[in-house]
């Protein structure tokens, strides 16, 4: 069932699906959670002062513990923001693990985990060198990860529709975060009118907005929380 524009009515959907733990769908949802949150947690560990290998070990070890002890089974709607729950869980884990050799966890990792240490460091090197707290680094990494996931979904839709070039040209103008190419240049490159470019960008932004709501809705309960989370995400991105 869906509301207007294809927005699903279910909330907390990724959490509930992942909590089942035994079906292909639940494992896919669990993998989705790991993909969405592993880098923000890695950034948190790095900002707290952990070196590259230690941060990777702590992040992977946390997710292994998270899966082994089935933390999600005790998590119910009403427990608050999932991102906050996850960060709090990581803090407890790191506190418990500080006196252990995290590197001993290498080998035998769960097959739903796929962490690219080179990609993690590449992304972390792009983080601003400022006085942000580890919590702030986590929130910003989370916000940018969500936006990247939504952008990839939208790009996939355009590629399926045979409109890869249109996406490529309009993507810089999508969120307004950076100057895009003038509409005239895009129109000339595509052989269409400027009005058609403006309409395409408008539709693209609307679709991005719907996909963003779907992404956020997977880890909160109500429409109001979706709206609140989007507002918070945008405030984090804008600094």
C-alpha atoms as a PDB file:
ATOM      1  CA  UNK A   1       0.000   0.000   0.000  1.00  0.00           C
ATOM      2  CA  UNK A   2       1.286   3.467  -0.766  1.00  0.00           C
ATOM      3  CA  UNK A   3       0.287   7.049  -0.364  1.00  0.00           C
ATOM      4  CA  UNK A   4       0.309   9.513  -3.243  1.00  0.00           C
ATOM      5  CA  UNK A   5       3.523   9.523  -5.247  1.00  0.00           C
ATOM      6  CA  UNK A   6       4.461   5.989  -4.211  1.00  0.00           C
ATOM      7  CA  UNK A   7       5.429   6.850  -0.622  1.00  0.00           C
ATOM      8  CA  UNK A   8       5.076   3.676   1.499  1.00  0.00           C
ATOM      9  CA  UNK A   9       2.754   3.799   4.501  1.00  0.00           C
ATOM     10  CA  UNK A  10       4.928   1.465   6.571  1.00  0.00           C
ATOM     11  CA  UNK A  11       7.386   2.904   9.074  1.00  0.00           C
ATOM     12  CA  UNK A  12      10.393   1.368  10.808  1.00  0.00           C
ATOM     13  CA  UNK A  13      10.284  -1.016   7.846  1.00  0.00           C
ATOM     14  CA  UNK A  14      13.998  -1.693   7.535  1.00  0.00           C
ATOM     15  CA  UNK A  15      14.341  -2.306  11.267  1.00  0.00           C
ATOM     16  CA  UNK A  16      11.396  -4.685  11.420  1.00  0.00           C
ATOM     17  CA  UNK A  17      12.548  -6.578   8.341  1.00  0.00           C
ATOM     18  CA  UNK A  18      16.112  -6.867   9.603  1.00  0.00           C
ATOM     19  CA  UNK A  19      14.912  -8.040  13.017  1.00  0.00           C
ATOM     20  CA  UNK A  20      13.344 -11.168  11.491  1.00  0.00           C
ATOM     21  CA  UNK A  21      16.861 -12.389  10.827  1.00  0.00           C
ATOM     22  CA  UNK A  22      16.168 -15.614   8.920  1.00  0.00           C
ATOM     23  CA  UNK A  23      14.681 -14.804   5.522  1.00  0.00           C
ATOM     24  CA  UNK A  24      16.528 -13.507   2.433  1.00  0.00           C
ATOM     25  CA  UNK A  25      14.508 -10.303   2.771  1.00  0.00           C
ATOM     26  CA  UNK A  26      15.558  -9.808   6.383  1.00  0.00           C
ATOM     27  CA  UNK A  27      19.207 -10.425   5.560  1.00  0.00           C
ATOM     28  CA  UNK A  28      18.957  -7.925   2.737  1.00  0.00           C
ATOM     29  CA  UNK A  29      17.450  -5.382   5.121  1.00  0.00           C
ATOM     30  CA  UNK A  30      20.171  -6.092   7.662  1.00  0.00           C
ATOM     31  CA  UNK A  31      22.823  -5.636   4.991  1.00  0.00           C
ATOM     32  CA  UNK A  32      21.133  -2.354   4.100  1.00  0.00           C
ATOM     33  CA  UNK A  33      21.434  -1.157   7.687  1.00  0.00           C
ATOM     34  CA  UNK A  34      25.106  -2.080   7.776  1.00  0.00           C
ATOM     35  CA  UNK A  35      25.717  -0.287   4.496  1.00  0.00           C
ATOM     36  CA  UNK A  36      23.891   2.823   5.651  1.00  0.00           C
ATOM     37  CA  UNK A  37      25.593   3.133   9.039  1.00  0.00           C
ATOM     38  CA  UNK A  38      29.024   1.555   8.935  1.00  0.00           C
ATOM     39  CA  UNK A  39      30.837   4.615   7.610  1.00  0.00           C
ATOM     40  CA  UNK A  40      29.223   7.094  10.043  1.00  0.00           C
ATOM     41  CA  UNK A  41      30.251   4.797  12.901  1.00  0.00           C
ATOM     42  CA  UNK A  42      33.737   4.463  11.435  1.00  0.00           C
ATOM     43  CA  UNK A  43      33.984   8.279  11.236  1.00  0.00           C
ATOM     44  CA  UNK A  44      32.899   8.484  14.882  1.00  0.00           C
ATOM     45  CA  UNK A  45      35.635   6.066  15.922  1.00  0.00           C
ATOM     46  CA  UNK A  46      38.261   7.928  13.912  1.00  0.00           C
ATOM     47  CA  UNK A  47      37.219  11.292  15.338  1.00  0.00           C
ATOM     48  CA  UNK A  48      37.507   9.854  18.851  1.00  0.00           C
ATOM     49  CA  UNK A  49      41.176   9.255  18.132  1.00  0.00           C
ATOM     50  CA  UNK A  50      41.282   5.661  16.896  1.00  0.00           C
ATOM     51  CA  UNK A  51      43.752   4.961  14.115  1.00  0.00           C
ATOM     52  CA  UNK A  52      42.654   3.578  10.787  1.00  0.00           C
ATOM     53  CA  UNK A  53      42.964  -0.115  11.637  1.00  0.00           C
ATOM     54  CA  UNK A  54      41.581   0.259  15.152  1.00  0.00           C
ATOM     55  CA  UNK A  55      38.582   2.225  13.884  1.00  0.00           C
ATOM     56  CA  UNK A  56      37.881  -0.434  11.273  1.00  0.00           C
ATOM     57  CA  UNK A  57      38.222  -3.226  13.826  1.00  0.00           C
ATOM     58  CA  UNK A  58      35.949  -1.458  16.302  1.00  0.00           C
ATOM     59  CA  UNK A  59      33.308  -0.823  13.652  1.00  0.00           C
ATOM     60  CA  UNK A  60      33.368  -4.375  12.337  1.00  0.00           C
ATOM     61  CA  UNK A  61      33.544  -5.862  15.808  1.00  0.00           C
ATOM     62  CA  UNK A  62      30.559  -3.780  16.851  1.00  0.00           C
ATOM     63  CA  UNK A  63      28.456  -5.001  13.953  1.00  0.00           C
ATOM     64  CA  UNK A  64      29.451  -8.585  14.660  1.00  0.00           C
ATOM     65  CA  UNK A  65      28.367  -8.167  18.281  1.00  0.00           C
ATOM     66  CA  UNK A  66      25.248  -6.382  17.061  1.00  0.00           C
ATOM     67  CA  UNK A  67      24.344  -9.374  14.905  1.00  0.00           C
ATOM     68  CA  UNK A  68      25.437 -12.122  17.293  1.00  0.00           C
ATOM     69  CA  UNK A  69      23.510 -10.765  20.252  1.00  0.00           C
ATOM     70  CA  UNK A  70      20.494  -9.795  18.125  1.00  0.00           C
ATOM     71  CA  UNK A  71      20.217  -6.282  19.502  1.00  0.00           C
ATOM     72  CA  UNK A  72      17.368  -5.603  17.101  1.00  0.00           C
ATOM     73  CA  UNK A  73      15.122  -8.208  18.749  1.00  0.00           C
ATOM     74  CA  UNK A  74      14.731  -5.963  21.779  1.00  0.00           C
ATOM     75  CA  UNK A  75      14.298  -2.810  19.733  1.00  0.00           C
ATOM     76  CA  UNK A  76      10.730  -1.654  19.254  1.00  0.00           C
ATOM     77  CA  UNK A  77       9.097   1.348  17.621  1.00  0.00           C
ATOM     78  CA  UNK A  78       9.007   4.088  20.209  1.00  0.00           C
ATOM     79  CA  UNK A  79      12.620   3.590  21.210  1.00  0.00           C
ATOM     80  CA  UNK A  80      13.647   6.832  19.536  1.00  0.00           C
ATOM     81  CA  UNK A  81      15.752   7.592  16.490  1.00  0.00           C
ATOM     82  CA  UNK A  82      17.545   4.512  15.228  1.00  0.00           C
ATOM     83  CA  UNK A  83      20.693   6.516  14.453  1.00  0.00           C
ATOM     84  CA  UNK A  84      20.816   7.615  18.117  1.00  0.00           C
ATOM     85  CA  UNK A  85      20.198   4.080  19.359  1.00  0.00           C
ATOM     86  CA  UNK A  86      23.004   2.766  17.162  1.00  0.00           C
ATOM     87  CA  UNK A  87      25.503   5.398  18.284  1.00  0.00           C
ATOM     88  CA  UNK A  88      24.682   4.777  21.934  1.00  0.00           C
ATOM     89  CA  UNK A  89      25.172   1.029  21.370  1.00  0.00           C
ATOM     90  CA  UNK A  90      28.529   1.656  19.724  1.00  0.00           C
ATOM     91  CA  UNK A  91      29.697   3.817  22.637  1.00  0.00           C
ATOM     92  CA  UNK A  92      28.927   1.001  25.073  1.00  0.00           C
ATOM     93  CA  UNK A  93      30.711  -1.482  22.859  1.00  0.00           C
ATOM     94  CA  UNK A  94      33.826   0.687  22.469  1.00  0.00           C
ATOM     95  CA  UNK A  95      33.940   1.229  26.216  1.00  0.00           C
ATOM     96  CA  UNK A  96      33.872  -2.546  26.738  1.00  0.00           C
ATOM     97  CA  UNK A  97      36.430  -3.232  24.015  1.00  0.00           C
ATOM     98  CA  UNK A  98      39.083  -0.634  24.787  1.00  0.00           C
ATOM     99  CA  UNK A  99      41.080  -3.109  26.856  1.00  0.00           C
ATOM    100  CA  UNK A 100      40.929  -5.871  24.257  1.00  0.00           C
ATOM    101  CA  UNK A 101      42.947  -6.438  21.121  1.00  0.00           C
ATOM    102  CA  UNK A 102      40.430  -5.407  18.469  1.00  0.00           C
ATOM    103  CA  UNK A 103      42.616  -6.844  15.740  1.00  0.00           C
ATOM    104  CA  UNK A 104      41.930 -10.344  17.080  1.00  0.00           C
ATOM    105  CA  UNK A 105      38.478 -10.057  15.580  1.00  0.00           C
ATOM    106  CA  UNK A 106      39.804 -10.267  12.048  1.00  0.00           C
ATOM    107  CA  UNK A 107      38.756 -13.409  10.236  1.00  0.00           C
ATOM    108  CA  UNK A 108      35.444 -15.224  10.362  1.00  0.00           C
ATOM    109  CA  UNK A 109      33.408 -12.069   9.803  1.00  0.00           C
ATOM    110  CA  UNK A 110      29.727 -12.267   9.057  1.00  0.00           C
ATOM    111  CA  UNK A 111      28.989 -12.475   5.344  1.00  0.00           C
ATOM    112  CA  UNK A 112      26.501  -9.610   5.544  1.00  0.00           C
ATOM    113  CA  UNK A 113      29.342  -7.247   6.402  1.00  0.00           C
ATOM    114  CA  UNK A 114      31.337  -5.649   3.626  1.00  0.00           C
ATOM    115  CA  UNK A 115      33.580  -2.826   4.749  1.00  0.00           C
ATOM    116  CA  UNK A 116      36.084  -1.313   2.362  1.00  0.00           C
ATOM    117  CA  UNK A 117      38.898   0.097   4.473  1.00  0.00           C
ATOM    118  CA  UNK A 118      40.437   1.954   1.537  1.00  0.00           C
ATOM    119  CA  UNK A 119      37.128   3.601   0.722  1.00  0.00           C
ATOM    120  CA  UNK A 120      36.614   4.433   4.389  1.00  0.00           C
ATOM    121  CA  UNK A 121      39.938   6.248   4.595  1.00  0.00           C
ATOM    122  CA  UNK A 122      39.392   7.990   1.273  1.00  0.00           C
ATOM    123  CA  UNK A 123      36.088   9.322   2.555  1.00  0.00           C
ATOM    124  CA  UNK A 124      37.517  10.194   5.947  1.00  0.00           C
ATOM    125  CA  UNK A 125      40.370  12.184   4.397  1.00  0.00           C
ATOM    126  CA  UNK A 126      37.717  14.356   2.749  1.00  0.00           C
ATOM    127  CA  UNK A 127      36.216  15.203   6.132  1.00  0.00           C
ATOM    128  CA  UNK A 128      36.960  18.781   7.252  1.00  0.00           C
ATOM    129  CA  UNK A 129      39.825  19.148   9.706  1.00  0.00           C
ATOM    130  CA  UNK A 130      38.065  21.105  12.398  1.00  0.00           C
ATOM    131  CA  UNK A 131      37.093  20.790  16.038  1.00  0.00           C
ATOM    132  CA  UNK A 132      33.927  18.781  15.504  1.00  0.00           C
ATOM    133  CA  UNK A 133      33.005  16.365  18.240  1.00  0.00           C
ATOM    134  CA  UNK A 134      32.882  12.653  17.382  1.00  0.00           C
ATOM    135  CA  UNK A 135      29.095  12.854  17.704  1.00  0.00           C
ATOM    136  CA  UNK A 136      28.959  15.687  15.175  1.00  0.00           C
ATOM    137  CA  UNK A 137      31.219  13.778  12.787  1.00  0.00           C
ATOM    138  CA  UNK A 138      28.864  10.809  13.077  1.00  0.00           C
ATOM    139  CA  UNK A 139      25.765  12.912  12.374  1.00  0.00           C
ATOM    140  CA  UNK A 140      27.332  14.575   9.343  1.00  0.00           C
ATOM    141  CA  UNK A 141      28.594  11.290   7.934  1.00  0.00           C
ATOM    142  CA  UNK A 142      25.117   9.823   8.454  1.00  0.00           C
ATOM    143  CA  UNK A 143      23.444  12.744   6.658  1.00  0.00           C
ATOM    144  CA  UNK A 144      25.776  12.603   3.673  1.00  0.00           C
ATOM    145  CA  UNK A 145      25.489   8.810   3.485  1.00  0.00           C
ATOM    146  CA  UNK A 146      21.690   9.051   3.358  1.00  0.00           C
ATOM    147  CA  UNK A 147      21.857  11.635   0.572  1.00  0.00           C
ATOM    148  CA  UNK A 148      24.341   9.509  -1.370  1.00  0.00           C
ATOM    149  CA  UNK A 149      22.111   6.450  -1.103  1.00  0.00           C
ATOM    150  CA  UNK A 150      19.128   8.436  -2.368  1.00  0.00           C
ATOM    151  CA  UNK A 151      21.179   9.904  -5.203  1.00  0.00           C
ATOM    152  CA  UNK A 152      22.292   6.426  -6.279  1.00  0.00           C
ATOM    153  CA  UNK A 153      18.691   5.229  -6.315  1.00  0.00           C
ATOM    154  CA  UNK A 154      17.643   8.185  -8.440  1.00  0.00           C
ATOM    155  CA  UNK A 155      20.569   7.692 -10.795  1.00  0.00           C
ATOM    156  CA  UNK A 156      19.578   4.048 -11.201  1.00  0.00           C
ATOM    157  CA  UNK A 157      16.056   5.070 -12.167  1.00  0.00           C
ATOM    158  CA  UNK A 158      17.367   7.484 -14.791  1.00  0.00           C
ATOM    159  CA  UNK A 159      19.730   4.862 -16.190  1.00  0.00           C
ATOM    160  CA  UNK A 160      16.899   2.356 -16.443  1.00  0.00           C
ATOM    161  CA  UNK A 161      14.858   4.945 -18.330  1.00  0.00           C
ATOM    162  CA  UNK A 162      17.751   5.600 -20.711  1.00  0.00           C
ATOM    163  CA  UNK A 163      18.337   9.101 -19.327  1.00  0.00           C
ATOM    164  CA  UNK A 164      21.820   8.775 -17.895  1.00  0.00           C
ATOM    165  CA  UNK A 165      23.066  11.884 -19.698  1.00  0.00           C
ATOM    166  CA  UNK A 166      20.187  13.954 -18.349  1.00  0.00           C
ATOM    167  CA  UNK A 167      20.998  12.856 -14.796  1.00  0.00           C
ATOM    168  CA  UNK A 168      24.691  13.579 -15.288  1.00  0.00           C
ATOM    169  CA  UNK A 169      24.004  17.125 -16.465  1.00  0.00           C
ATOM    170  CA  UNK A 170      21.354  17.991 -13.888  1.00  0.00           C
ATOM    171  CA  UNK A 171      22.790  16.208 -10.855  1.00  0.00           C
ATOM    172  CA  UNK A 172      24.986  19.170  -9.753  1.00  0.00           C
ATOM    173  CA  UNK A 173      21.838  21.340  -9.649  1.00  0.00           C
ATOM    174  CA  UNK A 174      19.733  18.756  -7.860  1.00  0.00           C
ATOM    175  CA  UNK A 175      20.039  19.893  -4.253  1.00  0.00           C
ATOM    176  CA  UNK A 176      21.255  23.417  -4.835  1.00  0.00           C
ATOM    177  CA  UNK A 177      24.369  22.701  -2.814  1.00  0.00           C
ATOM    178  CA  UNK A 178      26.668  23.727  -5.643  1.00  0.00           C
ATOM    179  CA  UNK A 179      26.284  25.747  -8.841  1.00  0.00           C
ATOM    180  CA  UNK A 180      24.925  23.685 -11.677  1.00  0.00           C
ATOM    181  CA  UNK A 181      25.431  24.179 -15.374  1.00  0.00           C
ATOM    182  CA  UNK A 182      23.341  26.965 -16.911  1.00  0.00           C
ATOM    183  CA  UNK A 183      20.051  25.704 -18.300  1.00  0.00           C
ATOM    184  CA  UNK A 184      21.042  26.994 -21.724  1.00  0.00           C
ATOM    185  CA  UNK A 185      24.166  24.801 -21.792  1.00  0.00           C
ATOM    186  CA  UNK A 186      22.216  21.743 -20.660  1.00  0.00           C
ATOM    187  CA  UNK A 187      19.553  22.406 -23.295  1.00  0.00           C
ATOM    188  CA  UNK A 188      22.174  22.664 -26.024  1.00  0.00           C
ATOM    189  CA  UNK A 189      23.927  19.487 -24.877  1.00  0.00           C
ATOM    190  CA  UNK A 190      20.673  17.518 -24.919  1.00  0.00           C
ATOM    191  CA  UNK A 191      19.072  19.192 -27.919  1.00  0.00           C
ATOM    192  CA  UNK A 192      16.001  20.283 -25.983  1.00  0.00           C
ATOM    193  CA  UNK A 193      14.519  23.600 -24.904  1.00  0.00           C
ATOM    194  CA  UNK A 194      15.445  25.471 -21.737  1.00  0.00           C
ATOM    195  CA  UNK A 195      11.851  25.097 -20.552  1.00  0.00           C
ATOM    196  CA  UNK A 196      12.203  21.327 -20.933  1.00  0.00           C
ATOM    197  CA  UNK A 197      15.393  21.450 -18.853  1.00  0.00           C
ATOM    198  CA  UNK A 198      13.649  23.424 -16.111  1.00  0.00           C
ATOM    199  CA  UNK A 199      10.744  20.967 -16.064  1.00  0.00           C
ATOM    200  CA  UNK A 200      13.116  17.980 -15.964  1.00  0.00           C
ATOM    201  CA  UNK A 201      15.009  19.492 -13.037  1.00  0.00           C
ATOM    202  CA  UNK A 202      11.745  20.203 -11.198  1.00  0.00           C
ATOM    203  CA  UNK A 203      10.607  16.595 -11.658  1.00  0.00           C
ATOM    204  CA  UNK A 204      14.021  15.317 -10.672  1.00  0.00           C
ATOM    205  CA  UNK A 205      13.966  17.302  -7.434  1.00  0.00           C
ATOM    206  CA  UNK A 206      10.460  16.095  -6.624  1.00  0.00           C
ATOM    207  CA  UNK A 207      11.482  12.489  -7.178  1.00  0.00           C
ATOM    208  CA  UNK A 208      14.600  12.994  -5.061  1.00  0.00           C
ATOM    209  CA  UNK A 209      12.390  14.354  -2.291  1.00  0.00           C
ATOM    210  CA  UNK A 210      10.094  11.324  -2.421  1.00  0.00           C
ATOM    211  CA  UNK A 211      13.039   8.930  -2.389  1.00  0.00           C
ATOM    212  CA  UNK A 212      14.538  10.796   0.553  1.00  0.00           C
ATOM    213  CA  UNK A 213      11.292  10.414   2.482  1.00  0.00           C
ATOM    214  CA  UNK A 214      11.250   6.697   1.698  1.00  0.00           C
ATOM    215  CA  UNK A 215      14.837   6.313   2.885  1.00  0.00           C
ATOM    216  CA  UNK A 216      14.197   8.183   6.131  1.00  0.00           C
ATOM    217  CA  UNK A 217      10.897   6.382   6.734  1.00  0.00           C
ATOM    218  CA  UNK A 218      12.690   3.055   7.016  1.00  0.00           C
ATOM    219  CA  UNK A 219      14.092   3.919  10.442  1.00  0.00           C
ATOM    220  CA  UNK A 220      11.396   6.092  12.051  1.00  0.00           C
ATOM    221  CA  UNK A 221       7.756   5.513  12.917  1.00  0.00           C
ATOM    222  CA  UNK A 222       5.491   8.369  11.901  1.00  0.00           C
ATOM    223  CA  UNK A 223       5.075  11.014   9.213  1.00  0.00           C
ATOM    224  CA  UNK A 224       5.919  13.653  11.794  1.00  0.00           C
ATOM    225  CA  UNK A 225       9.172  11.920  12.623  1.00  0.00           C
ATOM    226  CA  UNK A 226      10.008  11.649   8.923  1.00  0.00           C
ATOM    227  CA  UNK A 227       9.547  15.405   8.587  1.00  0.00           C
ATOM    228  CA  UNK A 228      11.576  16.082  11.729  1.00  0.00           C
ATOM    229  CA  UNK A 229      14.373  13.788  10.598  1.00  0.00           C
ATOM    230  CA  UNK A 230      14.567  15.405   7.157  1.00  0.00           C
ATOM    231  CA  UNK A 231      14.709  18.857   8.723  1.00  0.00           C
ATOM    232  CA  UNK A 232      17.463  17.679  11.037  1.00  0.00           C
ATOM    233  CA  UNK A 233      19.372  16.047   8.177  1.00  0.00           C
ATOM    234  CA  UNK A 234      19.276  19.266   6.155  1.00  0.00           C
ATOM    235  CA  UNK A 235      20.427  21.308   9.159  1.00  0.00           C
ATOM    236  CA  UNK A 236      23.371  18.937   9.624  1.00  0.00           C
ATOM    237  CA  UNK A 237      24.345  19.145   5.951  1.00  0.00           C
ATOM    238  CA  UNK A 238      24.185  22.920   5.992  1.00  0.00           C
ATOM    239  CA  UNK A 239      26.331  23.033   9.079  1.00  0.00           C
END
